[in-house]
Amino acid sequence: MKNFMNLVWEAVCRGEFLFMGSSPSGRRWIGPPGGGNVLALAPHPDDPDAVAVTLKMFHDAGCRIRYAVAGRAHGGVTDKYAEDMARKRGDSPTDLREYKAAIRRREQTDSAELAGIVDGEVVFSQAADEDESGDMLHCLANARILRRLLREQDPDIVLMPFGTDTNDGHVALFQLFSELASPLAAERERPLLALYSRDPKTTAIEQQLVVPFDEDAAGWKASLLRCHRSQQQRGLELRGYGLDERILKLNSAIKAELRSTLIEPWKDEFLYAESFQVELFG
């Protein structure tokens, strides 16, 4: 793990970007570490599945994968969807917001079970203070909750959405993590590597670690994203296509943007890519 961290960070300091894959090909390729704790730290259910290919790569190399969701995110579920779900299930919710949050927790649990890479149950953390959408706010009480979660999970690598983003939940969690990461690394006397993912709502990011993937991996990833049925339906209503297509459109765009800068012979073999900005603490 330490060697992986050093290789990635040295490349970042040189102003280069690296590719990660199970079958390295070329000078800029790096294999995943053969062990360690990897945490998908998510502002919302579905965020871990946006970087599922990278998480699976870590898992297949021998890393322990955990998911932690930091907010209820009930705002992502429409009233109509929740009410229709309640009728189908014969439920009579007294708190529609909590019922929506339960829908999202169930969807993320279903997705994690389908993925088969998560060690243990998905951790759902209750924010002390949240906004109208159920997103964790940037405040001292939530910092205490997140600090406790990070100590319990003890990650070597954290994957989460980058904070330059139009989504308030992404921004707040990024700000809290950024404040806590250095003290945590110093406290345990072990570095912490953050991989900040590019999301459809990201407005600016330096793509420093890129994980290309093929059509088979894209199909697997899409199956996980479709577990988030409330988000699939919301996407169809808002955009005319579901969450699975939205994320894979981004992954295709990342690959297309990089294609013109690549000289590696494999550049036409991969149709998609997940990408990350990197920060090393400690």
C-alpha atoms as a PDB file:
ATOM      1  CA  MET A   1       0.000   0.000   0.000  1.00  0.00           C
ATOM      2  CA  LYS A   2       2.777   2.454   0.926  1.00  0.00           C
ATOM      3  CA  ASN A   3       4.550   1.826  -2.377  1.00  0.00           C
ATOM      4  CA  PHE A   4       1.309   2.432  -4.300  1.00  0.00           C
ATOM      5  CA  MET A   5       0.694   5.688  -2.447  1.00  0.00           C
ATOM      6  CA  ASN A   6       4.243   6.883  -3.090  1.00  0.00           C
ATOM      7  CA  LEU A   7       4.136   6.045  -6.803  1.00  0.00           C
ATOM      8  CA  VAL A   8       0.832   7.858  -7.281  1.00  0.00           C
ATOM      9  CA  TRP A   9       1.871  10.908  -5.301  1.00  0.00           C
ATOM     10  CA  GLU A  10       5.272  11.164  -6.987  1.00  0.00           C
ATOM     11  CA  ALA A  11       3.539  11.203 -10.379  1.00  0.00           C
ATOM     12  CA  VAL A  12       1.153  13.923  -9.172  1.00  0.00           C
ATOM     13  CA  CYS A  13       4.083  16.010  -7.922  1.00  0.00           C
ATOM     14  CA  ARG A  14       5.744  15.661 -11.354  1.00  0.00           C
ATOM     15  CA  GLY A  15       2.557  16.941 -12.983  1.00  0.00           C
ATOM     16  CA  GLU A  16       1.784  13.586 -14.623  1.00  0.00           C
ATOM     17  CA  PHE A  17      -1.310  11.425 -14.549  1.00  0.00           C
ATOM     18  CA  LEU A  18      -1.331   7.654 -14.165  1.00  0.00           C
ATOM     19  CA  PHE A  19      -3.564   4.857 -15.386  1.00  0.00           C
ATOM     20  CA  MET A  20      -4.533   2.062 -13.029  1.00  0.00           C
ATOM     21  CA  GLY A  21      -5.380  -1.400 -14.277  1.00  0.00           C
ATOM     22  CA  SER A  22      -5.000  -5.071 -13.536  1.00  0.00           C
ATOM     23  CA  SER A  23      -2.873  -5.582 -16.669  1.00  0.00           C
ATOM     24  CA  PRO A  24      -0.454  -2.636 -16.828  1.00  0.00           C
ATOM     25  CA  SER A  25       0.711  -1.579 -20.263  1.00  0.00           C
ATOM     26  CA  GLY A  26       3.203   1.241 -20.619  1.00  0.00           C
ATOM     27  CA  ARG A  27       5.170   3.634 -18.470  1.00  0.00           C
ATOM     28  CA  ARG A  28       2.178   5.464 -17.041  1.00  0.00           C
ATOM     29  CA  TRP A  29       0.347   2.333 -15.851  1.00  0.00           C
ATOM     30  CA  ILE A  30       0.205   1.261 -12.234  1.00  0.00           C
ATOM     31  CA  GLY A  31      -1.350  -1.813 -10.673  1.00  0.00           C
ATOM     32  CA  PRO A  32      -3.632  -1.571  -7.618  1.00  0.00           C
ATOM     33  CA  PRO A  33      -2.156  -2.292  -4.171  1.00  0.00           C
ATOM     34  CA  GLY A  34      -2.265  -5.876  -2.966  1.00  0.00           C
ATOM     35  CA  GLY A  35      -3.911  -5.110   0.362  1.00  0.00           C
ATOM     36  CA  GLY A  36      -5.186  -2.392   2.667  1.00  0.00           C
ATOM     37  CA  ASN A  37      -8.476  -0.739   3.624  1.00  0.00           C
ATOM     38  CA  VAL A  38     -10.418   1.165   0.975  1.00  0.00           C
ATOM     39  CA  LEU A  39     -13.438   3.243   1.960  1.00  0.00           C
ATOM     40  CA  ALA A  40     -16.066   4.582  -0.432  1.00  0.00           C
ATOM     41  CA  LEU A  41     -17.207   7.652   1.504  1.00  0.00           C
ATOM     42  CA  ALA A  42     -20.490   8.745  -0.031  1.00  0.00           C
ATOM     43  CA  PRO A  43     -22.610  11.873   0.445  1.00  0.00           C
ATOM     44  CA  HIS A  44     -25.537   9.885  -1.005  1.00  0.00           C
ATOM     45  CA  PRO A  45     -26.514   6.310  -1.754  1.00  0.00           C
ATOM     46  CA  ASP A  46     -25.444   5.570  -5.377  1.00  0.00           C
ATOM     47  CA  ASP A  47     -22.149   7.502  -5.120  1.00  0.00           C
ATOM     48  CA  PRO A  48     -20.093   4.318  -4.480  1.00  0.00           C
ATOM     49  CA  ASP A  49     -21.490   2.802  -7.666  1.00  0.00           C
ATOM     50  CA  ALA A  50     -20.304   5.790  -9.697  1.00  0.00           C
ATOM     51  CA  VAL A  51     -16.746   4.506  -9.046  1.00  0.00           C
ATOM     52  CA  ALA A  52     -17.586   0.805  -8.882  1.00  0.00           C
ATOM     53  CA  VAL A  53     -14.991  -0.299 -11.443  1.00  0.00           C
ATOM     54  CA  THR A  54     -12.164   1.243  -9.417  1.00  0.00           C
ATOM     55  CA  LEU A  55     -13.501  -0.284  -6.204  1.00  0.00           C
ATOM     56  CA  LYS A  56     -13.716  -3.716  -7.831  1.00  0.00           C
ATOM     57  CA  MET A  57     -10.155  -3.371  -9.059  1.00  0.00           C
ATOM     58  CA  PHE A  58      -8.977  -2.688  -5.518  1.00  0.00           C
ATOM     59  CA  HIS A  59     -11.061  -5.612  -4.247  1.00  0.00           C
ATOM     60  CA  ASP A  60      -9.736  -8.050  -6.840  1.00  0.00           C
ATOM     61  CA  ALA A  61      -6.169  -7.085  -5.910  1.00  0.00           C
ATOM     62  CA  GLY A  62      -6.788  -7.989  -2.269  1.00  0.00           C
ATOM     63  CA  CYS A  63      -8.018  -4.796  -0.619  1.00  0.00           C
ATOM     64  CA  ARG A  64     -10.843  -4.692   1.942  1.00  0.00           C
ATOM     65  CA  ILE A  65     -13.702  -2.566   0.600  1.00  0.00           C
ATOM     66  CA  ARG A  66     -16.191  -0.746   2.816  1.00  0.00           C
ATOM     67  CA  TYR A  67     -19.053   1.626   1.951  1.00  0.00           C
ATOM     68  CA  ALA A  68     -20.136   4.469   4.248  1.00  0.00           C
ATOM     69  CA  VAL A  69     -23.014   6.805   3.339  1.00  0.00           C
ATOM     70  CA  ALA A  70     -22.993  10.075   5.254  1.00  0.00           C
ATOM     71  CA  GLY A  71     -26.456  11.496   4.564  1.00  0.00           C
ATOM     72  CA  ARG A  72     -30.105  10.408   4.339  1.00  0.00           C
ATOM     73  CA  ALA A  73     -30.485  12.066   0.901  1.00  0.00           C
ATOM     74  CA  HIS A  74     -34.277  11.756   0.965  1.00  0.00           C
ATOM     75  CA  GLY A  75     -34.527  14.733  -1.375  1.00  0.00           C
ATOM     76  CA  GLY A  76     -33.458  12.512  -4.268  1.00  0.00           C
ATOM     77  CA  VAL A  77     -36.744  10.586  -4.129  1.00  0.00           C
ATOM     78  CA  THR A  78     -39.874  12.212  -5.527  1.00  0.00           C
ATOM     79  CA  ASP A  79     -43.090  12.238  -3.515  1.00  0.00           C
ATOM     80  CA  LYS A  80     -44.833  10.316  -6.299  1.00  0.00           C
ATOM     81  CA  TYR A  81     -42.210   7.571  -6.327  1.00  0.00           C
ATOM     82  CA  ALA A  82     -42.360   7.179  -2.537  1.00  0.00           C
ATOM     83  CA  GLU A  83     -46.165   7.160  -2.481  1.00  0.00           C
ATOM     84  CA  ASP A  84     -46.316   4.605  -5.310  1.00  0.00           C
ATOM     85  CA  MET A  85     -43.793   2.436  -3.492  1.00  0.00           C
ATOM     86  CA  ALA A  86     -45.792   2.632  -0.267  1.00  0.00           C
ATOM     87  CA  ARG A  87     -48.949   1.498  -2.091  1.00  0.00           C
ATOM     88  CA  LYS A  88     -47.159  -1.416  -3.764  1.00  0.00           C
ATOM     89  CA  ARG A  89     -45.631  -2.577  -0.482  1.00  0.00           C
ATOM     90  CA  GLY A  90     -48.747  -1.968   1.593  1.00  0.00           C
ATOM     91  CA  ASP A  91     -46.897   0.527   3.779  1.00  0.00           C
ATOM     92  CA  SER A  92     -48.432   3.495   5.592  1.00  0.00           C
ATOM     93  CA  PRO A  93     -45.508   5.862   6.250  1.00  0.00           C
ATOM     94  CA  THR A  94     -46.071   8.531   8.878  1.00  0.00           C
ATOM     95  CA  ASP A  95     -42.837  10.358   7.976  1.00  0.00           C
ATOM     96  CA  LEU A  96     -42.437  10.608   4.200  1.00  0.00           C
ATOM     97  CA  ARG A  97     -38.866  11.923   4.444  1.00  0.00           C
ATOM     98  CA  GLU A  98     -37.728   8.967   6.512  1.00  0.00           C
ATOM     99  CA  TYR A  99     -39.599   6.612   4.194  1.00  0.00           C
ATOM    100  CA  LYS A 100     -37.705   8.100   1.251  1.00  0.00           C
ATOM    101  CA  ALA A 101     -34.411   7.725   3.133  1.00  0.00           C
ATOM    102  CA  ALA A 102     -35.268   4.077   3.784  1.00  0.00           C
ATOM    103  CA  ILE A 103     -35.871   3.583   0.059  1.00  0.00           C
ATOM    104  CA  ARG A 104     -32.413   4.921  -0.712  1.00  0.00           C
ATOM    105  CA  ARG A 105     -30.762   2.800   1.980  1.00  0.00           C
ATOM    106  CA  ARG A 106     -32.475  -0.299   0.625  1.00  0.00           C
ATOM    107  CA  GLU A 107     -31.332   0.510  -2.918  1.00  0.00           C
ATOM    108  CA  GLN A 108     -27.707   0.934  -1.836  1.00  0.00           C
ATOM    109  CA  THR A 109     -27.841  -2.292   0.167  1.00  0.00           C
ATOM    110  CA  ASP A 110     -29.232  -4.149  -2.855  1.00  0.00           C
ATOM    111  CA  SER A 111     -26.501  -2.730  -5.064  1.00  0.00           C
ATOM    112  CA  ALA A 112     -23.737  -3.635  -2.608  1.00  0.00           C
ATOM    113  CA  GLU A 113     -25.027  -7.199  -2.386  1.00  0.00           C
ATOM    114  CA  LEU A 114     -25.104  -7.476  -6.169  1.00  0.00           C
ATOM    115  CA  ALA A 115     -21.574  -6.065  -6.476  1.00  0.00           C
ATOM    116  CA  GLY A 116     -20.174  -8.712  -4.139  1.00  0.00           C
ATOM    117  CA  ILE A 117     -17.102  -6.659  -3.247  1.00  0.00           C
ATOM    118  CA  VAL A 118     -18.125  -5.025   0.047  1.00  0.00           C
ATOM    119  CA  ASP A 119     -16.715  -6.396   3.296  1.00  0.00           C
ATOM    120  CA  GLY A 120     -19.597  -6.335   5.786  1.00  0.00           C
ATOM    121  CA  GLU A 121     -22.720  -4.217   5.711  1.00  0.00           C
ATOM    122  CA  VAL A 122     -23.006  -0.747   4.239  1.00  0.00           C
ATOM    123  CA  VAL A 123     -22.592   1.860   6.985  1.00  0.00           C
ATOM    124  CA  PHE A 124     -25.334   4.506   7.002  1.00  0.00           C
ATOM    125  CA  SER A 125     -24.367   7.464   9.167  1.00  0.00           C
ATOM    126  CA  GLN A 126     -27.035   9.793  10.570  1.00  0.00           C
ATOM    127  CA  ALA A 127     -26.042  13.458  10.310  1.00  0.00           C
ATOM    128  CA  ALA A 128     -26.534  15.640  13.374  1.00  0.00           C
ATOM    129  CA  ASP A 129     -27.625  18.492  11.134  1.00  0.00           C
ATOM    130  CA  GLU A 130     -28.851  18.217   7.556  1.00  0.00           C
ATOM    131  CA  ASP A 131     -30.393  20.418   4.897  1.00  0.00           C
ATOM    132  CA  GLU A 132     -33.853  20.130   3.358  1.00  0.00           C
ATOM    133  CA  SER A 133     -32.656  17.410   0.975  1.00  0.00           C
ATOM    134  CA  GLY A 134     -31.173  15.275   3.734  1.00  0.00           C
ATOM    135  CA  ASP A 135     -27.564  16.172   2.931  1.00  0.00           C
ATOM    136  CA  MET A 136     -25.002  16.462   5.725  1.00  0.00           C
ATOM    137  CA  LEU A 137     -24.175  20.099   6.532  1.00  0.00           C
ATOM    138  CA  HIS A 138     -20.695  21.486   7.120  1.00  0.00           C
ATOM    139  CA  CYS A 139     -20.774  21.996  10.885  1.00  0.00           C
ATOM    140  CA  LEU A 140     -18.951  20.988  14.062  1.00  0.00           C
ATOM    141  CA  ALA A 141     -21.486  18.345  15.102  1.00  0.00           C
ATOM    142  CA  ASN A 142     -21.178  16.578  11.769  1.00  0.00           C
ATOM    143  CA  ALA A 143     -17.389  16.868  11.904  1.00  0.00           C
ATOM    144  CA  ARG A 144     -17.490  14.873  15.141  1.00  0.00           C
ATOM    145  CA  ILE A 145     -19.643  12.192  13.490  1.00  0.00           C
ATOM    146  CA  LEU A 146     -17.378  11.948  10.466  1.00  0.00           C
ATOM    147  CA  ARG A 147     -14.234  11.844  12.623  1.00  0.00           C
ATOM    148  CA  ARG A 148     -15.650   8.909  14.564  1.00  0.00           C
ATOM    149  CA  LEU A 149     -16.614   7.114  11.340  1.00  0.00           C
ATOM    150  CA  LEU A 150     -13.138   7.570   9.845  1.00  0.00           C
ATOM    151  CA  ARG A 151     -11.470   6.310  13.018  1.00  0.00           C
ATOM    152  CA  GLU A 152     -13.704   3.236  13.051  1.00  0.00           C
ATOM    153  CA  GLN A 153     -13.159   2.438   9.358  1.00  0.00           C
ATOM    154  CA  ASP A 154      -9.405   3.228   9.503  1.00  0.00           C
ATOM    155  CA  PRO A 155      -8.998   3.568   5.706  1.00  0.00           C
ATOM    156  CA  ASP A 156      -5.749   3.689   3.770  1.00  0.00           C
ATOM    157  CA  ILE A 157      -7.591   5.025   0.715  1.00  0.00           C
ATOM    158  CA  VAL A 158     -10.817   7.048   0.608  1.00  0.00           C
ATOM    159  CA  LEU A 159     -12.831   7.498  -2.581  1.00  0.00           C
ATOM    160  CA  MET A 160     -15.396  10.302  -2.640  1.00  0.00           C
ATOM    161  CA  PRO A 161     -16.747  12.980  -5.013  1.00  0.00           C
ATOM    162  CA  PHE A 162     -14.560  16.058  -5.512  1.00  0.00           C
ATOM    163  CA  GLY A 163     -15.711  19.227  -3.764  1.00  0.00           C
ATOM    164  CA  THR A 164     -15.755  21.621  -6.715  1.00  0.00           C
ATOM    165  CA  ASP A 165     -19.307  20.695  -7.497  1.00  0.00           C
ATOM    166  CA  THR A 166     -22.803  22.115  -7.788  1.00  0.00           C
ATOM    167  CA  ASN A 167     -24.186  19.511  -5.360  1.00  0.00           C
ATOM    168  CA  ASP A 168     -24.294  20.859  -1.794  1.00  0.00           C
ATOM    169  CA  GLY A 169     -23.942  17.408  -0.249  1.00  0.00           C
ATOM    170  CA  HIS A 170     -20.776  16.692  -2.211  1.00  0.00           C
ATOM    171  CA  VAL A 171     -19.300  20.055  -1.217  1.00  0.00           C
ATOM    172  CA  ALA A 172     -20.095  19.734   2.510  1.00  0.00           C
ATOM    173  CA  LEU A 173     -18.690  16.222   2.870  1.00  0.00           C
ATOM    174  CA  PHE A 174     -15.565  17.186   0.939  1.00  0.00           C
ATOM    175  CA  GLN A 175     -15.008  20.191   3.201  1.00  0.00           C
ATOM    176  CA  LEU A 176     -15.441  18.119   6.357  1.00  0.00           C
ATOM    177  CA  PHE A 177     -13.147  15.366   5.131  1.00  0.00           C
ATOM    178  CA  SER A 178     -10.479  17.871   4.050  1.00  0.00           C
ATOM    179  CA  GLU A 179     -10.418  19.320   7.568  1.00  0.00           C
ATOM    180  CA  LEU A 180     -10.227  15.912   9.267  1.00  0.00           C
ATOM    181  CA  ALA A 181      -7.842  13.951   7.037  1.00  0.00           C
ATOM    182  CA  SER A 182      -4.510  15.470   8.084  1.00  0.00           C
ATOM    183  CA  PRO A 183      -5.174  15.213  11.849  1.00  0.00           C
ATOM    184  CA  LEU A 184      -6.337  11.617  11.370  1.00  0.00           C
ATOM    185  CA  ALA A 185      -3.188  10.668   9.457  1.00  0.00           C
ATOM    186  CA  ALA A 186      -1.016  12.298  12.132  1.00  0.00           C
ATOM    187  CA  GLU A 187      -2.958  10.680  14.977  1.00  0.00           C
ATOM    188  CA  ARG A 188      -2.505   7.150  13.655  1.00  0.00           C
ATOM    189  CA  GLU A 189       0.981   7.845  12.207  1.00  0.00           C
ATOM    190  CA  ARG A 190      -0.019   6.441   8.829  1.00  0.00           C
ATOM    191  CA  PRO A 191      -0.751   8.258   5.557  1.00  0.00           C
ATOM    192  CA  LEU A 192      -4.187   8.558   4.017  1.00  0.00           C
ATOM    193  CA  LEU A 193      -4.673   8.732   0.255  1.00  0.00           C
ATOM    194  CA  ALA A 194      -7.777  10.515  -1.034  1.00  0.00           C
ATOM    195  CA  LEU A 195      -9.098   9.803  -4.535  1.00  0.00           C
ATOM    196  CA  TYR A 196     -11.648  12.486  -5.418  1.00  0.00           C
ATOM    197  CA  SER A 197     -13.883  11.320  -8.246  1.00  0.00           C
ATOM    198  CA  ARG A 198     -15.231  13.249 -11.174  1.00  0.00           C
ATOM    199  CA  ASP A 199     -19.040  13.361 -11.087  1.00  0.00           C
ATOM    200  CA  PRO A 200     -21.564  14.694 -13.621  1.00  0.00           C
ATOM    201  CA  LYS A 201     -21.922  17.762 -11.365  1.00  0.00           C
ATOM    202  CA  THR A 202     -18.175  18.367 -10.959  1.00  0.00           C
ATOM    203  CA  THR A 203     -17.272  21.805 -12.314  1.00  0.00           C
ATOM    204  CA  ALA A 204     -13.449  21.585 -12.202  1.00  0.00           C
ATOM    205  CA  ILE A 205     -10.984  18.796 -11.439  1.00  0.00           C
ATOM    206  CA  GLU A 206      -7.434  17.674 -12.200  1.00  0.00           C
ATOM    207  CA  GLN A 207      -7.618  14.133 -13.537  1.00  0.00           C
ATOM    208  CA  GLN A 208      -4.511  12.592 -12.000  1.00  0.00           C
ATOM    209  CA  LEU A 209      -5.453   8.912 -11.740  1.00  0.00           C
ATOM    210  CA  VAL A 210      -7.492   7.353 -14.534  1.00  0.00           C
ATOM    211  CA  VAL A 211      -9.071   3.890 -14.545  1.00  0.00           C
ATOM    212  CA  PRO A 212     -10.048   2.786 -18.071  1.00  0.00           C
ATOM    213  CA  PHE A 213     -12.590  -0.004 -18.516  1.00  0.00           C
ATOM    214  CA  ASP A 214     -14.300  -1.978 -21.245  1.00  0.00           C
ATOM    215  CA  GLU A 215     -17.871  -2.797 -22.258  1.00  0.00           C
ATOM    216  CA  ASP A 216     -18.133  -5.825 -19.959  1.00  0.00           C
ATOM    217  CA  ALA A 217     -17.171  -3.736 -16.934  1.00  0.00           C
ATOM    218  CA  ALA A 218     -19.586  -1.027 -18.066  1.00  0.00           C
ATOM    219  CA  GLY A 219     -22.424  -3.550 -18.186  1.00  0.00           C
ATOM    220  CA  TRP A 220     -21.631  -4.735 -14.672  1.00  0.00           C
ATOM    221  CA  LYS A 221     -21.464  -1.165 -13.395  1.00  0.00           C
ATOM    222  CA  ALA A 222     -24.769  -0.286 -15.079  1.00  0.00           C
ATOM    223  CA  SER A 223     -26.457  -3.206 -13.315  1.00  0.00           C
ATOM    224  CA  LEU A 224     -25.396  -1.734  -9.963  1.00  0.00           C
ATOM    225  CA  LEU A 225     -26.609   1.741 -10.854  1.00  0.00           C
ATOM    226  CA  ARG A 226     -29.985   0.352 -11.903  1.00  0.00           C
ATOM    227  CA  CYS A 227     -30.458  -0.948  -8.349  1.00  0.00           C
ATOM    228  CA  HIS A 228     -31.084   2.692  -7.451  1.00  0.00           C
ATOM    229  CA  ARG A 229     -34.568   2.476  -8.869  1.00  0.00           C
ATOM    230  CA  SER A 230     -35.770   5.797  -7.474  1.00  0.00           C
ATOM    231  CA  GLN A 231     -32.870   7.552  -9.174  1.00  0.00           C
ATOM    232  CA  GLN A 232     -33.401   5.666 -12.413  1.00  0.00           C
ATOM    233  CA  GLN A 233     -37.009   6.836 -12.490  1.00  0.00           C
ATOM    234  CA  ARG A 234     -36.102  10.391 -11.524  1.00  0.00           C
ATOM    235  CA  GLY A 235     -33.506  10.531 -14.298  1.00  0.00           C
ATOM    236  CA  LEU A 236     -35.973   9.254 -16.861  1.00  0.00           C
ATOM    237  CA  GLU A 237     -38.477  11.915 -15.839  1.00  0.00           C
ATOM    238  CA  LEU A 238     -35.944  14.789 -15.704  1.00  0.00           C
ATOM    239  CA  ARG A 239     -33.558  13.924 -18.544  1.00  0.00           C
ATOM    240  CA  GLY A 240     -35.088  11.138 -20.557  1.00  0.00           C
ATOM    241  CA  TYR A 241     -32.472   8.605 -19.455  1.00  0.00           C
ATOM    242  CA  GLY A 242     -31.605   6.828 -16.231  1.00  0.00           C
ATOM    243  CA  LEU A 243     -28.798   7.046 -13.703  1.00  0.00           C
ATOM    244  CA  ASP A 244     -26.922   4.194 -15.385  1.00  0.00           C
ATOM    245  CA  GLU A 245     -26.776   6.006 -18.703  1.00  0.00           C
ATOM    246  CA  ARG A 246     -25.921   9.321 -17.058  1.00  0.00           C
ATOM    247  CA  ILE A 247     -22.857   7.927 -15.297  1.00  0.00           C
ATOM    248  CA  LEU A 248     -21.663   5.932 -18.295  1.00  0.00           C
ATOM    249  CA  LYS A 249     -22.058   9.007 -20.499  1.00  0.00           C
ATOM    250  CA  LEU A 250     -19.623  10.758 -18.158  1.00  0.00           C
ATOM    251  CA  ASN A 251     -17.233   7.791 -18.219  1.00  0.00           C
ATOM    252  CA  SER A 252     -17.349   7.785 -22.017  1.00  0.00           C
ATOM    253  CA  ALA A 253     -16.693  11.542 -22.112  1.00  0.00           C
ATOM    254  CA  ILE A 254     -13.674  11.168 -19.804  1.00  0.00           C
ATOM    255  CA  LYS A 255     -12.165   8.584 -22.146  1.00  0.00           C
ATOM    256  CA  ALA A 256     -12.944  10.726 -25.213  1.00  0.00           C
ATOM    257  CA  GLU A 257     -11.282  13.790 -23.651  1.00  0.00           C
ATOM    258  CA  LEU A 258      -8.139  11.822 -22.835  1.00  0.00           C
ATOM    259  CA  ARG A 259      -7.954   9.994 -26.142  1.00  0.00           C
ATOM    260  CA  SER A 260      -6.317  12.857 -28.040  1.00  0.00           C
ATOM    261  CA  THR A 261      -3.519  13.084 -25.465  1.00  0.00           C
ATOM    262  CA  LEU A 262      -2.675   9.368 -25.439  1.00  0.00           C
ATOM    263  CA  ILE A 263       0.001   7.620 -27.433  1.00  0.00           C
ATOM    264  CA  GLU A 264      -0.435   4.258 -25.702  1.00  0.00           C
ATOM    265  CA  PRO A 265      -1.444   1.464 -28.124  1.00  0.00           C
ATOM    266  CA  TRP A 266      -4.396   0.364 -25.977  1.00  0.00           C
ATOM    267  CA  LYS A 267      -6.227   3.687 -26.237  1.00  0.00           C
ATOM    268  CA  ASP A 268      -8.908   2.313 -28.567  1.00  0.00           C
ATOM    269  CA  GLU A 269      -9.502  -0.843 -26.503  1.00  0.00           C
ATOM    270  CA  PHE A 270     -11.284   0.916 -23.612  1.00  0.00           C
ATOM    271  CA  LEU A 271     -14.487   2.852 -24.179  1.00  0.00           C
ATOM    272  CA  TYR A 272     -14.862   4.311 -20.671  1.00  0.00           C
ATOM    273  CA  ALA A 273     -12.861   5.643 -17.740  1.00  0.00           C
ATOM    274  CA  GLU A 274     -13.317   6.744 -14.126  1.00  0.00           C
ATOM    275  CA  SER A 275     -11.014   9.561 -13.082  1.00  0.00           C
ATOM    276  CA  PHE A 276      -9.759  11.083  -9.847  1.00  0.00           C
ATOM    277  CA  GLN A 277      -7.894  14.016  -8.378  1.00  0.00           C
ATOM    278  CA  VAL A 278      -5.409  12.817  -5.785  1.00  0.00           C
ATOM    279  CA  GLU A 279      -4.392  14.130  -2.354  1.00  0.00           C
ATOM    280  CA  LEU A 280      -2.030  12.514   0.129  1.00  0.00           C
ATOM    281  CA  PHE A 281      -2.312  13.318   3.836  1.00  0.00           C
ATOM    282  CA  GLY A 282       0.471  12.532   6.297  1.00  0.00           C
END
